[in-house]
C-alpha atoms as a PDB file:
ATOM      1  CA  MET A   1      38.345   4.233  57.686  1.00  0.00           C
ATOM      2  CA  LEU A   2      40.390   1.192  56.742  1.00  0.00           C
ATOM      3  CA  TYR A   3      40.432  -1.851  58.967  1.00  0.00           C
ATOM      4  CA  PRO A   4      43.671  -2.605  60.875  1.00  0.00           C
ATOM      5  CA  GLU A   5      46.599  -4.230  59.119  1.00  0.00           C
ATOM      6  CA  ILE A   6      46.308  -7.983  58.829  1.00  0.00           C
ATOM      7  CA  GLU A   7      48.532 -10.840  57.683  1.00  0.00           C
ATOM      8  CA  PRO A   8      47.452 -13.786  55.521  1.00  0.00           C
ATOM      9  CA  TYR A   9      46.685 -17.043  57.273  1.00  0.00           C
ATOM     10  CA  ASP A  10      47.386 -18.985  54.074  1.00  0.00           C
ATOM     11  CA  HIS A  11      49.241 -18.388  50.816  1.00  0.00           C
ATOM     12  CA  GLY A  12      50.826 -20.268  47.952  1.00  0.00           C
ATOM     13  CA  MET A  13      51.800 -20.467  44.306  1.00  0.00           C
ATOM     14  CA  LEU A  14      49.198 -21.903  41.917  1.00  0.00           C
ATOM     15  CA  ASP A  15      50.421 -23.638  38.764  1.00  0.00           C
ATOM     16  CA  VAL A  16      48.033 -22.283  36.119  1.00  0.00           C
ATOM     17  CA  GLY A  17      49.807 -23.816  33.144  1.00  0.00           C
ATOM     18  CA  ASP A  18      51.833 -22.258  30.327  1.00  0.00           C
ATOM     19  CA  GLY A  19      54.800 -22.114  32.715  1.00  0.00           C
ATOM     20  CA  HIS A  20      53.025 -19.573  34.946  1.00  0.00           C
ATOM     21  CA  HIS A  21      52.695 -19.739  38.726  1.00  0.00           C
ATOM     22  CA  VAL A  22      50.295 -17.271  40.349  1.00  0.00           C
ATOM     23  CA  TYR A  23      50.866 -16.029  43.889  1.00  0.00           C
ATOM     24  CA  TRP A  24      47.763 -16.056  46.103  1.00  0.00           C
ATOM     25  CA  GLU A  25      46.969 -15.320  49.738  1.00  0.00           C
ATOM     26  CA  VAL A  26      43.955 -15.502  52.024  1.00  0.00           C
ATOM     27  CA  CYS A  27      43.312 -13.401  55.119  1.00  0.00           C
ATOM     28  CA  GLY A  28      40.499 -12.628  57.548  1.00  0.00           C
ATOM     29  CA  ASN A  29      38.028 -15.221  58.823  1.00  0.00           C
ATOM     30  CA  PRO A  30      38.487 -18.734  57.336  1.00  0.00           C
ATOM     31  CA  ASP A  31      34.736 -19.235  57.740  1.00  0.00           C
ATOM     32  CA  GLY A  32      33.791 -15.750  56.544  1.00  0.00           C
ATOM     33  CA  LYS A  33      32.108 -14.485  53.388  1.00  0.00           C
ATOM     34  CA  PRO A  34      34.462 -15.062  50.414  1.00  0.00           C
ATOM     35  CA  ALA A  35      35.740 -12.022  48.487  1.00  0.00           C
ATOM     36  CA  VAL A  36      38.365 -11.743  45.771  1.00  0.00           C
ATOM     37  CA  VAL A  37      40.458  -8.635  45.125  1.00  0.00           C
ATOM     38  CA  LEU A  38      41.408  -7.789  41.529  1.00  0.00           C
ATOM     39  CA  HIS A  39      44.259  -5.323  41.284  1.00  0.00           C
ATOM     40  CA  GLY A  40      44.696  -2.726  38.578  1.00  0.00           C
ATOM     41  CA  GLY A  41      47.274  -2.085  35.899  1.00  0.00           C
ATOM     42  CA  PRO A  42      47.384  -4.564  34.324  1.00  0.00           C
ATOM     43  CA  GLY A  43      50.555  -5.271  36.258  1.00  0.00           C
ATOM     44  CA  SER A  44      50.203  -3.379  39.533  1.00  0.00           C
ATOM     45  CA  GLY A  45      50.108  -6.477  41.728  1.00  0.00           C
ATOM     46  CA  CYS A  46      48.141  -6.929  44.932  1.00  0.00           C
ATOM     47  CA  SER A  47      49.160  -5.057  48.079  1.00  0.00           C
ATOM     48  CA  PRO A  48      48.743  -5.387  51.874  1.00  0.00           C
ATOM     49  CA  HIS A  49      46.710  -2.168  51.711  1.00  0.00           C
ATOM     50  CA  ALA A  50      43.935  -3.954  49.803  1.00  0.00           C
ATOM     51  CA  ARG A  51      43.376  -6.398  52.684  1.00  0.00           C
ATOM     52  CA  ARG A  52      42.157  -3.531  54.846  1.00  0.00           C
ATOM     53  CA  TYR A  53      38.958  -2.782  52.912  1.00  0.00           C
ATOM     54  CA  PHE A  54      37.246  -5.737  54.584  1.00  0.00           C
ATOM     55  CA  ASP A  55      36.032  -6.504  58.086  1.00  0.00           C
ATOM     56  CA  PRO A  56      38.444  -9.344  58.990  1.00  0.00           C
ATOM     57  CA  ALA A  57      35.856 -10.922  61.295  1.00  0.00           C
ATOM     58  CA  ALA A  58      33.288 -11.127  58.508  1.00  0.00           C
ATOM     59  CA  TYR A  59      35.266 -11.810  55.319  1.00  0.00           C
ATOM     60  CA  ARG A  60      37.540 -14.481  53.894  1.00  0.00           C
ATOM     61  CA  VAL A  61      39.589 -12.259  51.568  1.00  0.00           C
ATOM     62  CA  VAL A  62      41.475 -13.714  48.599  1.00  0.00           C
ATOM     63  CA  LEU A  63      44.174 -11.660  46.875  1.00  0.00           C
ATOM     64  CA  PHE A  64      46.430 -12.714  44.021  1.00  0.00           C
ATOM     65  CA  ASP A  65      49.026 -11.291  41.670  1.00  0.00           C
ATOM     66  CA  GLN A  66      47.900 -11.605  38.066  1.00  0.00           C
ATOM     67  CA  ARG A  67      50.233 -13.272  35.591  1.00  0.00           C
ATOM     68  CA  GLY A  68      53.574 -11.559  35.128  1.00  0.00           C
ATOM     69  CA  CYS A  69      53.526  -9.222  38.123  1.00  0.00           C
ATOM     70  CA  GLY A  70      53.986  -9.037  41.882  1.00  0.00           C
ATOM     71  CA  ARG A  71      55.195 -12.387  43.208  1.00  0.00           C
ATOM     72  CA  SER A  72      53.825 -14.411  40.295  1.00  0.00           C
ATOM     73  CA  THR A  73      56.331 -16.030  37.933  1.00  0.00           C
ATOM     74  CA  PRO A  74      57.708 -15.606  35.353  1.00  0.00           C
ATOM     75  CA  HIS A  75      57.862 -11.884  36.047  1.00  0.00           C
ATOM     76  CA  ALA A  76      57.300  -9.458  33.180  1.00  0.00           C
ATOM     77  CA  GLY A  77      60.168  -7.321  34.473  1.00  0.00           C
ATOM     78  CA  GLU A  78      62.777  -9.904  33.476  1.00  0.00           C
ATOM     79  CA  PRO A  79      65.115  -8.815  30.650  1.00  0.00           C
ATOM     80  CA  VAL A  80      63.403 -11.079  28.093  1.00  0.00           C
ATOM     81  CA  VAL A  81      59.750 -12.105  28.370  1.00  0.00           C
ATOM     82  CA  ASP A  82      57.077 -13.962  26.410  1.00  0.00           C
ATOM     83  CA  LEU A  83      53.635 -12.411  26.927  1.00  0.00           C
ATOM     84  CA  SER A  84      51.771 -14.668  24.486  1.00  0.00           C
ATOM     85  CA  THR A  85      50.041 -16.585  27.310  1.00  0.00           C
ATOM     86  CA  ASN A  86      49.066 -13.469  29.248  1.00  0.00           C
ATOM     87  CA  THR A  87      45.610 -12.407  28.039  1.00  0.00           C
ATOM     88  CA  THR A  88      42.217 -11.619  29.532  1.00  0.00           C
ATOM     89  CA  ASP A  89      41.021 -15.171  28.885  1.00  0.00           C
ATOM     90  CA  HIS A  90      44.073 -16.564  30.683  1.00  0.00           C
ATOM     91  CA  LEU A  91      43.430 -14.360  33.730  1.00  0.00           C
ATOM     92  CA  ILE A  92      39.763 -15.403  33.838  1.00  0.00           C
ATOM     93  CA  GLY A  93      40.876 -19.026  33.760  1.00  0.00           C
ATOM     94  CA  ASP A  94      43.326 -18.369  36.591  1.00  0.00           C
ATOM     95  CA  MET A  95      40.518 -16.940  38.721  1.00  0.00           C
ATOM     96  CA  GLU A  96      38.447 -20.068  38.230  1.00  0.00           C
ATOM     97  CA  ARG A  97      41.371 -22.342  39.099  1.00  0.00           C
ATOM     98  CA  LEU A  98      42.003 -20.347  42.247  1.00  0.00           C
ATOM     99  CA  ARG A  99      38.334 -20.406  43.247  1.00  0.00           C
ATOM    100  CA  GLU A 100      38.243 -24.183  42.811  1.00  0.00           C
ATOM    101  CA  LEU A 101      41.515 -24.644  44.713  1.00  0.00           C
ATOM    102  CA  LEU A 102      40.103 -22.757  47.699  1.00  0.00           C
ATOM    103  CA  GLY A 103      36.752 -24.528  47.581  1.00  0.00           C
ATOM    104  CA  ILE A 104      34.733 -21.346  47.094  1.00  0.00           C
ATOM    105  CA  ASP A 105      31.304 -21.521  45.482  1.00  0.00           C
ATOM    106  CA  ARG A 106      30.577 -17.775  45.136  1.00  0.00           C
ATOM    107  CA  TRP A 107      32.575 -14.706  46.051  1.00  0.00           C
ATOM    108  CA  LEU A 108      32.263 -10.944  46.154  1.00  0.00           C
ATOM    109  CA  VAL A 109      34.390  -9.289  43.459  1.00  0.00           C
ATOM    110  CA  PHE A 110      36.274  -6.193  44.662  1.00  0.00           C
ATOM    111  CA  ALA A 111      38.106  -4.330  41.915  1.00  0.00           C
ATOM    112  CA  GLY A 112      39.362  -1.043  40.536  1.00  0.00           C
ATOM    113  CA  SER A 113      40.558   0.364  37.211  1.00  0.00           C
ATOM    114  CA  TRP A 114      41.845  -2.536  35.063  1.00  0.00           C
ATOM    115  CA  GLY A 115      40.644  -4.871  37.807  1.00  0.00           C
ATOM    116  CA  SER A 116      37.117  -3.684  37.032  1.00  0.00           C
ATOM    117  CA  VAL A 117      37.510  -4.783  33.423  1.00  0.00           C
ATOM    118  CA  LEU A 118      38.626  -8.214  34.572  1.00  0.00           C
ATOM    119  CA  GLY A 119      35.929  -8.435  37.245  1.00  0.00           C
ATOM    120  CA  LEU A 120      33.117  -7.398  34.914  1.00  0.00           C
ATOM    121  CA  VAL A 121      34.180  -9.869  32.223  1.00  0.00           C
ATOM    122  CA  TYR A 122      34.442 -12.612  34.845  1.00  0.00           C
ATOM    123  CA  ALA A 123      30.979 -11.813  36.236  1.00  0.00           C
ATOM    124  CA  GLU A 124      29.409 -11.797  32.767  1.00  0.00           C
ATOM    125  CA  ARG A 125      30.900 -15.204  32.002  1.00  0.00           C
ATOM    126  CA  PHE A 126      30.297 -16.734  35.448  1.00  0.00           C
ATOM    127  CA  PRO A 127      27.418 -14.788  37.036  1.00  0.00           C
ATOM    128  CA  HIS A 128      26.550 -17.770  39.226  1.00  0.00           C
ATOM    129  CA  ARG A 129      29.971 -17.449  40.883  1.00  0.00           C
ATOM    130  CA  VAL A 130      29.577 -13.793  41.895  1.00  0.00           C
ATOM    131  CA  SER A 131      27.580 -12.747  44.973  1.00  0.00           C
ATOM    132  CA  GLU A 132      28.180  -8.965  44.759  1.00  0.00           C
ATOM    133  CA  MET A 133      30.658  -6.527  43.216  1.00  0.00           C
ATOM    134  CA  VAL A 134      32.375  -3.367  44.394  1.00  0.00           C
ATOM    135  CA  HIS A 135      34.142  -1.351  41.691  1.00  0.00           C
ATOM    136  CA  ALA A 136      36.122   1.886  41.850  1.00  0.00           C
ATOM    137  CA  SER A 137      37.691   4.100  39.163  1.00  0.00           C
ATOM    138  CA  VAL A 138      35.887   1.854  36.749  1.00  0.00           C
ATOM    139  CA  ALA A 139      36.889   0.854  33.213  1.00  0.00           C
ATOM    140  CA  THR A 140      35.273  -1.548  30.759  1.00  0.00           C
ATOM    141  CA  GLY A 141      38.151  -2.379  28.407  1.00  0.00           C
ATOM    142  CA  ARG A 142      36.976  -0.349  25.427  1.00  0.00           C
ATOM    143  CA  ARG A 143      39.593   0.907  22.977  1.00  0.00           C
ATOM    144  CA  SER A 144      37.859   4.256  23.192  1.00  0.00           C
ATOM    145  CA  GLU A 145      38.899   4.372  26.865  1.00  0.00           C
ATOM    146  CA  THR A 146      42.550   3.594  26.206  1.00  0.00           C
ATOM    147  CA  ASP A 147      42.629   5.849  23.132  1.00  0.00           C
ATOM    148  CA  LEU A 148      41.430   8.653  25.382  1.00  0.00           C
ATOM    149  CA  LEU A 149      44.327   8.039  27.756  1.00  0.00           C
ATOM    150  CA  THR A 150      47.033   7.712  25.105  1.00  0.00           C
ATOM    151  CA  THR A 151      45.977  10.368  22.587  1.00  0.00           C
ATOM    152  CA  GLY A 152      42.689  12.047  23.479  1.00  0.00           C
ATOM    153  CA  LEU A 153      44.040  13.842  26.543  1.00  0.00           C
ATOM    154  CA  ALA A 154      46.985  15.395  24.703  1.00  0.00           C
ATOM    155  CA  PRO A 155      45.379  18.887  24.728  1.00  0.00           C
ATOM    156  CA  MET A 156      45.099  18.741  28.522  1.00  0.00           C
ATOM    157  CA  PHE A 157      48.760  17.804  29.049  1.00  0.00           C
ATOM    158  CA  PRO A 158      50.517  19.075  25.898  1.00  0.00           C
ATOM    159  CA  GLU A 159      54.096  19.186  27.191  1.00  0.00           C
ATOM    160  CA  ALA A 160      53.946  15.792  28.893  1.00  0.00           C
ATOM    161  CA  HIS A 161      52.264  14.281  25.843  1.00  0.00           C
ATOM    162  CA  ALA A 162      54.915  15.667  23.514  1.00  0.00           C
ATOM    163  CA  ARG A 163      57.587  13.944  25.617  1.00  0.00           C
ATOM    164  CA  PHE A 164      55.489  10.762  25.682  1.00  0.00           C
ATOM    165  CA  ARG A 165      55.208  10.702  21.878  1.00  0.00           C
ATOM    166  CA  GLU A 166      58.936  11.135  21.287  1.00  0.00           C
ATOM    167  CA  LEU A 167      59.482   7.351  21.404  1.00  0.00           C
ATOM    168  CA  ALA A 168      56.322   6.473  19.433  1.00  0.00           C
ATOM    169  CA  PRO A 169      55.606   9.472  17.201  1.00  0.00           C
ATOM    170  CA  THR A 170      53.121   7.737  14.881  1.00  0.00           C
ATOM    171  CA  GLY A 171      50.423   5.114  15.083  1.00  0.00           C
ATOM    172  CA  ASP A 172      49.056   3.536  18.242  1.00  0.00           C
ATOM    173  CA  PRO A 173      51.270   4.649  21.171  1.00  0.00           C
ATOM    174  CA  ALA A 174      50.628   1.434  23.103  1.00  0.00           C
ATOM    175  CA  ALA A 175      51.768  -0.731  20.190  1.00  0.00           C
ATOM    176  CA  GLY A 176      54.780   1.489  19.538  1.00  0.00           C
ATOM    177  CA  TYR A 177      55.879   1.397  23.145  1.00  0.00           C
ATOM    178  CA  LEU A 178      55.272  -2.342  23.438  1.00  0.00           C
ATOM    179  CA  GLU A 179      57.769  -3.012  20.670  1.00  0.00           C
ATOM    180  CA  LEU A 180      60.403  -0.981  22.523  1.00  0.00           C
ATOM    181  CA  LEU A 181      59.539  -2.462  25.892  1.00  0.00           C
ATOM    182  CA  LEU A 182      60.022  -5.999  24.576  1.00  0.00           C
ATOM    183  CA  SER A 183      63.504  -5.202  23.277  1.00  0.00           C
ATOM    184  CA  PRO A 184      66.131  -7.379  25.016  1.00  0.00           C
ATOM    185  CA  ASP A 185      68.372  -4.293  25.238  1.00  0.00           C
ATOM    186  CA  PRO A 186      68.004  -2.864  28.778  1.00  0.00           C
ATOM    187  CA  VAL A 187      68.870   0.627  27.572  1.00  0.00           C
ATOM    188  CA  VAL A 188      65.952   0.508  25.149  1.00  0.00           C
ATOM    189  CA  HIS A 189      63.335  -1.153  27.345  1.00  0.00           C
ATOM    190  CA  TYR A 190      64.118   0.805  30.514  1.00  0.00           C
ATOM    191  CA  ARG A 191      64.039   4.110  28.657  1.00  0.00           C
ATOM    192  CA  ALA A 192      60.640   3.207  27.209  1.00  0.00           C
ATOM    193  CA  ALA A 193      59.369   2.113  30.633  1.00  0.00           C
ATOM    194  CA  ARG A 194      60.455   5.410  32.202  1.00  0.00           C
ATOM    195  CA  GLN A 195      58.711   7.389  29.482  1.00  0.00           C
ATOM    196  CA  TRP A 196      55.514   5.361  29.720  1.00  0.00           C
ATOM    197  CA  CYS A 197      55.411   5.639  33.517  1.00  0.00           C
ATOM    198  CA  ALA A 198      56.072   9.384  33.318  1.00  0.00           C
ATOM    199  CA  TRP A 199      52.957   9.718  31.150  1.00  0.00           C
ATOM    200  CA  GLU A 200      50.972   7.660  33.666  1.00  0.00           C
ATOM    201  CA  ASP A 201      52.165  10.114  36.337  1.00  0.00           C
ATOM    202  CA  ALA A 202      51.076  13.083  34.210  1.00  0.00           C
ATOM    203  CA  LEU A 203      47.571  11.637  33.905  1.00  0.00           C
ATOM    204  CA  GLN A 204      47.264  11.471  37.699  1.00  0.00           C
ATOM    205  CA  PRO A 205      48.662  14.793  38.941  1.00  0.00           C
ATOM    206  CA  LEU A 206      47.112  14.329  42.407  1.00  0.00           C
ATOM    207  CA  THR A 207      49.183  11.193  43.134  1.00  0.00           C
ATOM    208  CA  THR A 208      52.853  10.735  43.994  1.00  0.00           C
ATOM    209  CA  ALA A 209      55.099  11.219  40.960  1.00  0.00           C
ATOM    210  CA  GLY A 210      57.456   8.352  40.161  1.00  0.00           C
ATOM    211  CA  ALA A 211      55.427   5.691  41.944  1.00  0.00           C
ATOM    212  CA  TRP A 212      54.908   3.609  38.805  1.00  0.00           C
ATOM    213  CA  PHE A 213      58.649   3.228  38.205  1.00  0.00           C
ATOM    214  CA  ASP A 214      59.661   2.320  41.757  1.00  0.00           C
ATOM    215  CA  PRO A 215      61.415  -0.082  41.661  1.00  0.00           C
ATOM    216  CA  PRO A 216      62.470  -0.133  37.987  1.00  0.00           C
ATOM    217  CA  LYS A 217      61.693  -3.853  37.581  1.00  0.00           C
ATOM    218  CA  HIS A 218      58.129  -3.149  38.671  1.00  0.00           C
ATOM    219  CA  GLY A 219      57.927  -0.196  36.293  1.00  0.00           C
ATOM    220  CA  LEU A 220      59.145  -2.314  33.386  1.00  0.00           C
ATOM    221  CA  ALA A 221      56.630  -5.095  34.119  1.00  0.00           C
ATOM    222  CA  PHE A 222      53.833  -2.584  34.578  1.00  0.00           C
ATOM    223  CA  ALA A 223      54.571  -0.766  31.294  1.00  0.00           C
ATOM    224  CA  ARG A 224      54.931  -4.017  29.373  1.00  0.00           C
ATOM    225  CA  LEU A 225      51.657  -5.451  30.646  1.00  0.00           C
ATOM    226  CA  VAL A 226      49.653  -2.248  30.187  1.00  0.00           C
ATOM    227  CA  THR A 227      50.834  -1.765  26.618  1.00  0.00           C
ATOM    228  CA  HIS A 228      50.435  -5.478  25.857  1.00  0.00           C
ATOM    229  CA  TYR A 229      46.777  -5.359  26.906  1.00  0.00           C
ATOM    230  CA  TRP A 230      45.990  -1.957  25.439  1.00  0.00           C
ATOM    231  CA  ALA A 231      47.634  -2.686  22.094  1.00  0.00           C
ATOM    232  CA  HIS A 232      45.383  -5.741  21.769  1.00  0.00           C
ATOM    233  CA  GLY A 233      42.182  -4.095  22.972  1.00  0.00           C
ATOM    234  CA  SER A 234      42.332  -6.359  26.048  1.00  0.00           C
ATOM    235  CA  TRP A 235      41.291  -9.176  23.677  1.00  0.00           C
ATOM    236  CA  LEU A 236      37.697  -7.957  23.937  1.00  0.00           C
ATOM    237  CA  PRO A 237      35.311  -6.889  21.159  1.00  0.00           C
ATOM    238  CA  GLU A 238      34.776  -3.147  21.418  1.00  0.00           C
ATOM    239  CA  GLY A 239      32.002  -2.349  23.864  1.00  0.00           C
ATOM    240  CA  ILE A 240      31.247  -5.987  24.742  1.00  0.00           C
ATOM    241  CA  VAL A 241      31.296  -5.439  28.521  1.00  0.00           C
ATOM    242  CA  LEU A 242      28.556  -2.821  28.313  1.00  0.00           C
ATOM    243  CA  GLU A 243      26.613  -4.766  25.689  1.00  0.00           C
ATOM    244  CA  GLU A 244      26.538  -7.848  27.904  1.00  0.00           C
ATOM    245  CA  ALA A 245      25.954  -6.061  31.205  1.00  0.00           C
ATOM    246  CA  TRP A 246      22.417  -7.520  31.179  1.00  0.00           C
ATOM    247  CA  LYS A 247      24.088 -10.732  32.359  1.00  0.00           C
ATOM    248  CA  LEU A 248      24.823  -8.952  35.655  1.00  0.00           C
ATOM    249  CA  ALA A 249      21.099  -8.801  36.498  1.00  0.00           C
ATOM    250  CA  GLY A 250      20.582  -9.992  40.040  1.00  0.00           C
ATOM    251  CA  ILE A 251      24.148  -9.210  41.151  1.00  0.00           C
ATOM    252  CA  PRO A 252      24.072  -6.258  43.569  1.00  0.00           C
ATOM    253  CA  GLY A 253      26.914  -3.806  43.133  1.00  0.00           C
ATOM    254  CA  VAL A 254      28.452  -0.481  44.058  1.00  0.00           C
ATOM    255  CA  ILE A 255      30.441   1.714  41.653  1.00  0.00           C
ATOM    256  CA  VAL A 256      32.556   4.341  43.409  1.00  0.00           C
ATOM    257  CA  GLN A 257      33.770   6.991  41.006  1.00  0.00           C
ATOM    258  CA  GLY A 258      35.644  10.271  41.380  1.00  0.00           C
ATOM    259  CA  GLN A 259      34.129  13.196  39.505  1.00  0.00           C
ATOM    260  CA  LEU A 260      37.672  14.224  38.472  1.00  0.00           C
ATOM    261  CA  ASP A 261      38.474  10.818  36.953  1.00  0.00           C
ATOM    262  CA  LEU A 262      39.456  11.551  33.357  1.00  0.00           C
ATOM    263  CA  GLY A 263      37.749   8.350  32.213  1.00  0.00           C
ATOM    264  CA  ASN A 264      34.445  10.088  32.898  1.00  0.00           C
ATOM    265  CA  LEU A 265      34.975  12.160  29.755  1.00  0.00           C
ATOM    266  CA  ILE A 266      33.509   9.390  27.611  1.00  0.00           C
ATOM    267  CA  GLY A 267      30.892   8.431  30.193  1.00  0.00           C
ATOM    268  CA  THR A 268      32.159   5.008  31.270  1.00  0.00           C
ATOM    269  CA  PRO A 269      30.757   4.893  34.853  1.00  0.00           C
ATOM    270  CA  PHE A 270      27.428   6.343  33.784  1.00  0.00           C
ATOM    271  CA  ASP A 271      27.083   3.930  30.876  1.00  0.00           C
ATOM    272  CA  LEU A 272      27.865   1.003  33.168  1.00  0.00           C
ATOM    273  CA  ALA A 273      25.422   2.105  35.859  1.00  0.00           C
ATOM    274  CA  HIS A 274      22.728   2.468  33.203  1.00  0.00           C
ATOM    275  CA  ALA A 275      23.408  -0.984  31.750  1.00  0.00           C
ATOM    276  CA  TRP A 276      23.649  -2.704  35.158  1.00  0.00           C
ATOM    277  CA  PRO A 277      20.386  -1.910  36.979  1.00  0.00           C
ATOM    278  CA  ASP A 278      21.413  -3.625  40.233  1.00  0.00           C
ATOM    279  CA  ALA A 279      24.361  -1.271  40.721  1.00  0.00           C
ATOM    280  CA  GLU A 280      24.499   1.903  42.802  1.00  0.00           C
ATOM    281  CA  LEU A 281      26.723   4.681  41.405  1.00  0.00           C
ATOM    282  CA  ILE A 282      28.424   6.856  44.029  1.00  0.00           C
ATOM    283  CA  LEU A 283      30.085  10.017  42.697  1.00  0.00           C
ATOM    284  CA  LEU A 284      32.717  11.746  44.807  1.00  0.00           C
ATOM    285  CA  THR A 285      33.870  15.346  44.466  1.00  0.00           C
ATOM    286  CA  GLN A 286      37.580  16.225  44.642  1.00  0.00           C
ATOM    287  CA  THR A 287      38.467  12.651  43.677  1.00  0.00           C
ATOM    288  CA  ALA A 288      40.374  11.524  40.600  1.00  0.00           C
ATOM    289  CA  HIS A 289      41.359   8.094  39.252  1.00  0.00           C
ATOM    290  CA  GLY A 290      43.988   7.619  41.950  1.00  0.00           C
ATOM    291  CA  GLY A 291      41.395   7.765  44.718  1.00  0.00           C
ATOM    292  CA  SER A 292      41.015   9.764  47.923  1.00  0.00           C
ATOM    293  CA  ASP A 293      40.097   9.336  51.568  1.00  0.00           C
ATOM    294  CA  ALA A 294      36.463   9.711  50.558  1.00  0.00           C
ATOM    295  CA  MET A 295      36.833   6.899  48.020  1.00  0.00           C
ATOM    296  CA  THR A 296      38.437   4.675  50.642  1.00  0.00           C
ATOM    297  CA  GLU A 297      35.555   5.311  53.024  1.00  0.00           C
ATOM    298  CA  ALA A 298      32.989   4.597  50.323  1.00  0.00           C
ATOM    299  CA  ARG A 299      34.647   1.311  49.363  1.00  0.00           C
ATOM    300  CA  VAL A 300      34.811   0.161  52.977  1.00  0.00           C
ATOM    301  CA  ALA A 301      31.167   1.162  53.437  1.00  0.00           C
ATOM    302  CA  ALA A 302      30.294  -0.973  50.422  1.00  0.00           C
ATOM    303  CA  THR A 303      32.019  -4.099  51.771  1.00  0.00           C
ATOM    304  CA  ASP A 304      30.395  -3.450  55.171  1.00  0.00           C
ATOM    305  CA  LYS A 305      27.025  -3.239  53.430  1.00  0.00           C
ATOM    306  CA  PHE A 306      27.508  -6.649  51.815  1.00  0.00           C
ATOM    307  CA  ARG A 307      29.083  -8.488  54.745  1.00  0.00           C
END
């Protein structure tokens, strides 16, 4: 069960350079155990819901909107955007600036989906800054993972995939869509955003349809950021997160994964659990990438375990 709703006791906008300002907030106990929440997407933004995974009497919870989304500026849903200074390395740097601003030495990393990619890369580069990790619906940033989602699952959703490929019939779908999404013409970029978000909906049939494109500005930012990262392989050498998982030795962790998560088809959570010996893998039946009540309970149990 989630903890009661809570409001931040502090928040602000952090100037991270390159013209970007990142929204951040802190809630819970000012003297509690530090934890940072890494949202998915890229481009989903943090939400009040994420505050509720933590015992507010025990944790000092930090949430922030990654570059280009949520309340951070400039927003990737503006008619014309420059994404050249929005990369994995930039986001890692933003995390370190935020940690230093708040005077935190080490924090628990709480993440899901794309947030897991970011959190794992961060922990491998700064293991001395991470006390524990809790991951759900895990990903590691491999092109094989995103290729699965853009092309490999076509036989499972043939009609939806045919509609998805109408705007990018050849080559890498992420790259093809990104070109359309960056068009200054709102007719072009909003049509592409709707099509991309419709495919995201098709991949998660157990979740609410249309959520990714509500409101349209959010849908446009989300589609732009996802395709921007996927088209560039998240600026990570293929397989590097798993290859360097030995750097996570000594960091306790929990991986909560739904057995119906389509990412399991190439073994991502199992490969990670094997490469990271201090992690516990929890598999949940009747749970897909979008989560479930059981996943919520398991994630709360994990933060309770580490408090």
